C-alpha atoms as a PDB file:
ATOM      1  CA  MET A   1      -1.587 -17.631 -27.896  1.00  0.00           C
ATOM      2  CA  GLU A   2      -3.945 -17.439 -24.937  1.00  0.00           C
ATOM      3  CA  HIS A   3      -2.014 -20.147 -23.109  1.00  0.00           C
ATOM      4  CA  LYS A   4       1.264 -18.253 -23.601  1.00  0.00           C
ATOM      5  CA  THR A   5      -0.307 -15.021 -22.356  1.00  0.00           C
ATOM      6  CA  ASN A   6      -1.677 -16.801 -19.307  1.00  0.00           C
ATOM      7  CA  THR A   7       1.687 -18.410 -18.568  1.00  0.00           C
ATOM      8  CA  HIS A   8       3.501 -15.090 -18.865  1.00  0.00           C
ATOM      9  CA  TRP A   9       1.196 -13.213 -16.488  1.00  0.00           C
ATOM     10  CA  LYS A  10       1.059 -16.179 -14.142  1.00  0.00           C
ATOM     11  CA  ASN A  11       4.840 -16.100 -13.812  1.00  0.00           C
ATOM     12  CA  VAL A  12       4.861 -12.318 -13.400  1.00  0.00           C
ATOM     13  CA  LEU A  13       2.125 -12.291 -10.750  1.00  0.00           C
ATOM     14  CA  ILE A  14       3.851 -15.004  -8.759  1.00  0.00           C
ATOM     15  CA  SER A  15       7.482 -13.919  -8.956  1.00  0.00           C
ATOM     16  CA  VAL A  16       7.192 -10.129  -8.624  1.00  0.00           C
ATOM     17  CA  PRO A  17       4.930  -9.983  -5.509  1.00  0.00           C
ATOM     18  CA  VAL A  18       6.743 -12.840  -3.770  1.00  0.00           C
ATOM     19  CA  VAL A  19      10.200 -11.360  -4.406  1.00  0.00           C
ATOM     20  CA  GLY A  20       8.970  -7.908  -3.383  1.00  0.00           C
ATOM     21  CA  ALA A  21       7.415  -9.232  -0.174  1.00  0.00           C
ATOM     22  CA  GLY A  22      10.580 -11.196   0.577  1.00  0.00           C
ATOM     23  CA  LEU A  23      12.835  -8.174   0.124  1.00  0.00           C
ATOM     24  CA  ALA A  24      10.526  -5.986   2.221  1.00  0.00           C
ATOM     25  CA  THR A  25      10.566  -8.577   4.992  1.00  0.00           C
ATOM     26  CA  ILE A  26      14.355  -8.884   4.954  1.00  0.00           C
ATOM     27  CA  ILE A  27      14.802  -5.114   5.067  1.00  0.00           C
ATOM     28  CA  TYR A  28      12.341  -4.787   7.950  1.00  0.00           C
ATOM     29  CA  LEU A  29      14.057  -7.586   9.896  1.00  0.00           C
ATOM     30  CA  LEU A  30      17.406  -5.874   9.361  1.00  0.00           C
ATOM     31  CA  ARG A  31      15.833  -2.693  10.697  1.00  0.00           C
ATOM     32  CA  LEU A  32      14.735  -4.522  13.849  1.00  0.00           C
ATOM     33  CA  TYR A  33      18.173  -6.095  14.147  1.00  0.00           C
ATOM     34  CA  CYS A  34      19.815  -2.661  14.025  1.00  0.00           C
ATOM     35  CA  ARG A  35      17.463  -1.433  16.745  1.00  0.00           C
ATOM     36  CA  ARG A  36      18.469  -4.382  18.894  1.00  0.00           C
ATOM     37  CA  MET A  37      22.185  -3.913  18.235  1.00  0.00           C
ATOM     38  CA  LYS A  38      21.968  -0.232  19.202  1.00  0.00           C
ATOM     39  CA  ALA A  39      19.774  -1.098  22.193  1.00  0.00           C
ATOM     40  CA  VAL A  40      17.511   1.873  21.506  1.00  0.00           C
ATOM     41  CA  GLY A  41      14.248  -0.038  21.486  1.00  0.00           C
ATOM     42  CA  LEU A  42      11.451   0.179  18.965  1.00  0.00           C
ATOM     43  CA  HIS A  43       9.823   3.456  18.023  1.00  0.00           C
ATOM     44  CA  LEU A  44       6.285   4.151  16.867  1.00  0.00           C
ATOM     45  CA  GLU A  45       7.359   4.134  13.235  1.00  0.00           C
ATOM     46  CA  ASP A  46       8.704   0.609  13.616  1.00  0.00           C
ATOM     47  CA  TYR A  47       5.326  -0.675  14.775  1.00  0.00           C
ATOM     48  CA  LEU A  48       3.542   1.219  12.002  1.00  0.00           C
ATOM     49  CA  MET A  49       5.913  -0.148   9.374  1.00  0.00           C
ATOM     50  CA  GLY A  50       5.497  -3.675  10.705  1.00  0.00           C
ATOM     51  CA  THR A  51       1.716  -3.353  10.566  1.00  0.00           C
ATOM     52  CA  GLY A  52       1.878  -2.108   6.987  1.00  0.00           C
ATOM     53  CA  LEU A  53       4.156  -5.012   6.059  1.00  0.00           C
ATOM     54  CA  ILE A  54       1.780  -7.589   7.551  1.00  0.00           C
ATOM     55  CA  ILE A  55      -1.206  -6.097   5.735  1.00  0.00           C
ATOM     56  CA  SER A  56       0.794  -6.093   2.499  1.00  0.00           C
ATOM     57  CA  TYR A  57       1.137  -9.880   2.804  1.00  0.00           C
ATOM     58  CA  CYS A  58      -2.628 -10.078   2.243  1.00  0.00           C
ATOM     59  CA  VAL A  59      -2.265  -8.056  -0.956  1.00  0.00           C
ATOM     60  CA  THR A  60       0.514 -10.395  -2.089  1.00  0.00           C
ATOM     61  CA  ALA A  61      -1.548 -13.491  -1.300  1.00  0.00           C
ATOM     62  CA  PHE A  62      -4.559 -12.356  -3.324  1.00  0.00           C
ATOM     63  CA  VAL A  63      -2.388 -11.185  -6.233  1.00  0.00           C
ATOM     64  CA  VAL A  64      -0.687 -14.581  -6.357  1.00  0.00           C
ATOM     65  CA  ASP A  65      -4.071 -16.297  -6.161  1.00  0.00           C
ATOM     66  CA  THR A  66      -5.176 -14.490  -9.323  1.00  0.00           C
ATOM     67  CA  ALA A  67      -2.220 -16.094 -11.092  1.00  0.00           C
ATOM     68  CA  PHE A  68      -3.853 -19.488 -10.662  1.00  0.00           C
ATOM     69  CA  ASN A  69      -7.288 -18.392 -11.841  1.00  0.00           C
ATOM     70  CA  GLY A  70      -6.885 -17.407 -15.465  1.00  0.00           C
ATOM     71  CA  ILE A  71      -5.276 -14.005 -15.154  1.00  0.00           C
ATOM     72  CA  GLY A  72      -4.087 -12.679 -18.522  1.00  0.00           C
ATOM     73  CA  LEU A  73      -6.951 -14.209 -20.483  1.00  0.00           C
ATOM     74  CA  PRO A  74     -10.136 -12.417 -21.575  1.00  0.00           C
ATOM     75  CA  ILE A  75     -12.444 -12.673 -18.594  1.00  0.00           C
ATOM     76  CA  ALA A  76     -15.370 -13.663 -20.831  1.00  0.00           C
ATOM     77  CA  SER A  77     -13.441 -16.768 -21.892  1.00  0.00           C
ATOM     78  CA  LEU A  78     -12.974 -18.028 -18.321  1.00  0.00           C
ATOM     79  CA  PRO A  79     -15.210 -20.563 -16.594  1.00  0.00           C
ATOM     80  CA  LYS A  80     -17.705 -18.950 -14.218  1.00  0.00           C
ATOM     81  CA  TYR A  81     -15.845 -20.178 -11.120  1.00  0.00           C
ATOM     82  CA  GLU A  82     -12.514 -18.677 -12.222  1.00  0.00           C
ATOM     83  CA  ARG A  83     -14.256 -15.480 -13.291  1.00  0.00           C
ATOM     84  CA  ARG A  84     -15.807 -15.011  -9.833  1.00  0.00           C
ATOM     85  CA  ARG A  85     -12.530 -15.965  -8.176  1.00  0.00           C
ATOM     86  CA  ILE A  86     -10.527 -13.382 -10.086  1.00  0.00           C
ATOM     87  CA  GLN A  87     -13.109 -10.694  -9.365  1.00  0.00           C
ATOM     88  CA  PHE A  88     -13.162 -11.645  -5.684  1.00  0.00           C
ATOM     89  CA  ASP A  89      -9.361 -11.465  -5.509  1.00  0.00           C
ATOM     90  CA  SER A  90      -9.471  -8.056  -7.175  1.00  0.00           C
ATOM     91  CA  TRP A  91     -12.063  -6.900  -4.633  1.00  0.00           C
ATOM     92  CA  MET A  92      -9.955  -8.117  -1.709  1.00  0.00           C
ATOM     93  CA  ILE A  93      -6.734  -6.588  -3.048  1.00  0.00           C
ATOM     94  CA  GLN A  94      -8.421  -3.197  -3.002  1.00  0.00           C
ATOM     95  CA  LYS A  95      -9.347  -3.656   0.670  1.00  0.00           C
ATOM     96  CA  PHE A  96      -5.770  -4.209   1.824  1.00  0.00           C
ATOM     97  CA  TRP A  97      -3.821  -1.961  -0.566  1.00  0.00           C
ATOM     98  CA  ALA A  98      -4.802   1.449   0.832  1.00  0.00           C
ATOM     99  CA  PRO A  99      -4.421   0.532   4.561  1.00  0.00           C
ATOM    100  CA  SER A 100      -1.037  -1.073   3.869  1.00  0.00           C
ATOM    101  CA  MET A 101       0.206   2.005   2.021  1.00  0.00           C
ATOM    102  CA  ALA A 102      -1.177   4.300   4.713  1.00  0.00           C
ATOM    103  CA  PHE A 103       0.691   2.552   7.535  1.00  0.00           C
ATOM    104  CA  VAL A 104       3.953   2.569   5.585  1.00  0.00           C
ATOM    105  CA  LYS A 105       3.652   6.234   4.599  1.00  0.00           C
ATOM    106  CA  ILE A 106       2.637   7.375   8.066  1.00  0.00           C
ATOM    107  CA  SER A 107       5.577   5.408   9.477  1.00  0.00           C
ATOM    108  CA  ILE A 108       7.974   7.384   7.266  1.00  0.00           C
ATOM    109  CA  VAL A 109       6.335  10.694   8.162  1.00  0.00           C
ATOM    110  CA  VAL A 110       6.512   9.887  11.884  1.00  0.00           C
ATOM    111  CA  PHE A 111      10.192   9.034  11.476  1.00  0.00           C
ATOM    112  CA  ILE A 112      10.906  12.337   9.723  1.00  0.00           C
ATOM    113  CA  LYS A 113       8.921  14.205  12.365  1.00  0.00           C
ATOM    114  CA  ARG A 114      11.009  12.602  15.112  1.00  0.00           C
ATOM    115  CA  LEU A 115      14.229  13.596  13.352  1.00  0.00           C
ATOM    116  CA  PHE A 116      13.213  17.203  12.715  1.00  0.00           C
ATOM    117  CA  GLY A 117      10.813  17.665  15.617  1.00  0.00           C
ATOM    118  CA  SER A 118      12.739  20.717  16.789  1.00  0.00           C
ATOM    119  CA  ILE A 119      11.614  22.541  13.631  1.00  0.00           C
ATOM    120  CA  ARG A 120       8.080  23.770  14.189  1.00  0.00           C
ATOM    121  CA  ALA A 121       7.199  23.805  10.487  1.00  0.00           C
ATOM    122  CA  TYR A 122       8.052  20.125  10.219  1.00  0.00           C
ATOM    123  CA  VAL A 123       5.793  19.247  13.132  1.00  0.00           C
ATOM    124  CA  LEU A 124       2.881  21.095  11.540  1.00  0.00           C
ATOM    125  CA  ILE A 125       3.475  19.682   8.055  1.00  0.00           C
ATOM    126  CA  SER A 126       3.934  16.155   9.412  1.00  0.00           C
ATOM    127  CA  ASN A 127       0.720  16.278  11.439  1.00  0.00           C
ATOM    128  CA  CYS A 128      -1.239  17.571   8.439  1.00  0.00           C
ATOM    129  CA  LEU A 129       0.280  14.933   6.186  1.00  0.00           C
ATOM    130  CA  VAL A 130      -0.533  12.119   8.608  1.00  0.00           C
ATOM    131  CA  GLY A 131      -4.126  13.344   8.793  1.00  0.00           C
ATOM    132  CA  PHE A 132      -4.382  13.598   5.019  1.00  0.00           C
ATOM    133  CA  ILE A 133      -2.941  10.113   4.440  1.00  0.00           C
ATOM    134  CA  ALA A 134      -5.275   8.597   7.028  1.00  0.00           C
ATOM    135  CA  THR A 135      -8.266  10.351   5.433  1.00  0.00           C
ATOM    136  CA  TRP A 136      -7.199   9.204   1.964  1.00  0.00           C
ATOM    137  CA  ALA A 137      -6.873   5.595   3.122  1.00  0.00           C
ATOM    138  CA  PHE A 138     -10.219   5.634   4.947  1.00  0.00           C
ATOM    139  CA  ALA A 139     -12.041   7.164   1.977  1.00  0.00           C
ATOM    140  CA  SER A 140     -10.427   4.696  -0.412  1.00  0.00           C
ATOM    141  CA  LEU A 141     -11.337   1.747   1.814  1.00  0.00           C
ATOM    142  CA  MET A 142     -14.951   2.823   2.273  1.00  0.00           C
ATOM    143  CA  VAL A 143     -15.530   3.468  -1.429  1.00  0.00           C
ATOM    144  CA  ASN A 144     -13.824   0.188  -2.305  1.00  0.00           C
ATOM    145  CA  ILE A 145     -16.117  -1.693   0.032  1.00  0.00           C
ATOM    146  CA  PHE A 146     -19.350  -0.011  -1.015  1.00  0.00           C
ATOM    147  CA  GLN A 147     -18.639   0.635  -4.696  1.00  0.00           C
ATOM    148  CA  CYS A 148     -21.297  -1.963  -5.494  1.00  0.00           C
ATOM    149  CA  ILE A 149     -24.683  -2.542  -3.858  1.00  0.00           C
ATOM    150  CA  PRO A 150     -24.844  -5.186  -2.511  1.00  0.00           C
ATOM    151  CA  VAL A 151     -21.108  -5.334  -1.943  1.00  0.00           C
ATOM    152  CA  GLN A 152     -20.956  -8.943  -3.195  1.00  0.00           C
ATOM    153  CA  TYR A 153     -22.195  -7.830  -6.602  1.00  0.00           C
ATOM    154  CA  TYR A 154     -18.650  -6.729  -7.496  1.00  0.00           C
ATOM    155  CA  TYR A 155     -17.525 -10.356  -7.746  1.00  0.00           C
ATOM    156  CA  ASP A 156     -20.841 -12.202  -8.056  1.00  0.00           C
ATOM    157  CA  LYS A 157     -22.898 -10.958 -10.971  1.00  0.00           C
ATOM    158  CA  ARG A 158     -25.551 -13.604 -10.287  1.00  0.00           C
ATOM    159  CA  LEU A 159     -26.941 -11.205  -7.701  1.00  0.00           C
ATOM    160  CA  LYS A 160     -29.173  -8.274  -8.497  1.00  0.00           C
ATOM    161  CA  GLY A 161     -27.306  -5.046  -7.949  1.00  0.00           C
ATOM    162  CA  HIS A 162     -25.325  -2.206  -9.448  1.00  0.00           C
ATOM    163  CA  CYS A 163     -21.932  -0.537  -9.109  1.00  0.00           C
ATOM    164  CA  MET A 164     -21.028   3.122  -8.886  1.00  0.00           C
ATOM    165  CA  ALA A 165     -20.392   5.049 -12.071  1.00  0.00           C
ATOM    166  CA  ALA A 166     -16.841   6.121 -12.973  1.00  0.00           C
ATOM    167  CA  GLN A 167     -15.109   3.297 -11.097  1.00  0.00           C
ATOM    168  CA  VAL A 168     -12.023   3.569 -13.308  1.00  0.00           C
ATOM    169  CA  GLN A 169     -11.790   7.334 -12.776  1.00  0.00           C
ATOM    170  CA  PHE A 170     -12.083   6.876  -9.016  1.00  0.00           C
ATOM    171  CA  PHE A 171      -9.214   4.391  -8.873  1.00  0.00           C
ATOM    172  CA  GLN A 172      -7.097   6.579 -11.134  1.00  0.00           C
ATOM    173  CA  THR A 173      -7.729   9.550  -8.856  1.00  0.00           C
ATOM    174  CA  MET A 174      -6.867   7.636  -5.685  1.00  0.00           C
ATOM    175  CA  GLY A 175      -3.714   6.295  -7.333  1.00  0.00           C
ATOM    176  CA  SER A 176      -2.700   9.788  -8.430  1.00  0.00           C
ATOM    177  CA  ILE A 177      -3.201  11.116  -4.899  1.00  0.00           C
ATOM    178  CA  ALA A 178      -1.089   8.256  -3.566  1.00  0.00           C
ATOM    179  CA  LEU A 179       1.697   9.226  -5.959  1.00  0.00           C
ATOM    180  CA  ILE A 180       1.503  12.878  -4.872  1.00  0.00           C
ATOM    181  CA  GLU A 181       1.784  11.767  -1.236  1.00  0.00           C
ATOM    182  CA  ASP A 182       4.913   9.794  -2.108  1.00  0.00           C
ATOM    183  CA  VAL A 183       6.507  12.792  -3.794  1.00  0.00           C
ATOM    184  CA  ILE A 184       5.732  15.064  -0.832  1.00  0.00           C
ATOM    185  CA  ILE A 185       7.177  12.542   1.630  1.00  0.00           C
ATOM    186  CA  LEU A 186      10.284  12.160  -0.523  1.00  0.00           C
ATOM    187  CA  CYS A 187      10.795  15.923  -0.617  1.00  0.00           C
ATOM    188  CA  LEU A 188      10.208  16.554   3.105  1.00  0.00           C
ATOM    189  CA  PRO A 189      13.868  16.393   4.220  1.00  0.00           C
ATOM    190  CA  ILE A 190      15.174  18.490   1.316  1.00  0.00           C
ATOM    191  CA  PRO A 191      14.860  21.937   2.986  1.00  0.00           C
ATOM    192  CA  VAL A 192      16.901  20.758   5.971  1.00  0.00           C
ATOM    193  CA  GLU A 193      19.528  19.196   3.730  1.00  0.00           C
ATOM    194  CA  CYS A 194      19.800  22.407   1.738  1.00  0.00           C
ATOM    195  CA  ALA A 195      20.124  24.464   4.907  1.00  0.00           C
ATOM    196  CA  GLY A 196      23.343  22.724   5.794  1.00  0.00           C
ATOM    197  CA  SER A 197      24.345  21.861   9.352  1.00  0.00           C
ATOM    198  CA  GLN A 198      22.442  24.568  11.214  1.00  0.00           C
ATOM    199  CA  TYR A 199      20.141  21.844  12.568  1.00  0.00           C
ATOM    200  CA  ASN A 200      21.940  19.402  14.833  1.00  0.00           C
ATOM    201  CA  ILE A 201      20.353  15.980  14.396  1.00  0.00           C
ATOM    202  CA  PRO A 202      21.759  13.494  16.949  1.00  0.00           C
ATOM    203  CA  LEU A 203      22.980  10.223  15.459  1.00  0.00           C
ATOM    204  CA  ASP A 204      20.979   8.139  17.936  1.00  0.00           C
ATOM    205  CA  ALA A 205      17.786   9.659  16.515  1.00  0.00           C
ATOM    206  CA  TYR A 206      18.064   7.215  13.640  1.00  0.00           C
END
């Protein structure tokens, strides 16, 4: 039973991240190709999105690495080396996840701001949202790094140390905030769409 569980999660943690990273890369390359075809050059959001994509490769790499180190089995049943490896991968995933998401989200907000920059409310909301996302990512990164003292104690329990209380609650909170950010970003263009054609958005803005 344990072997089957391990095989299942191994396949999932290899196929899903790799396919997702591949699709994201293809879509981003198509985006760059469209920029080239239209001869409009790259915008700030393109660089931000590219940075987020590159950082996400690190997340993918560490997730895939966990697939080869006993993921899906009770951690107490794993050899000490695999146990430390899985915990190290988990620690590293946390370091890259928030920055990657921040760059991608800020890229989208910057794009929306460029489209609707003539609307003062959008400029204000976009600037506040960028600041909030950056603050969220920085706070998440700092707490992820220093959640245990010394920091290596997270993945190496041979050391003397301790971790912060309510780790699970912290990660749930940060994940919930990330979801709220996504919903806000998704809803940003809705007021303009509902207002009809009173705002003239030039086609080359895209």
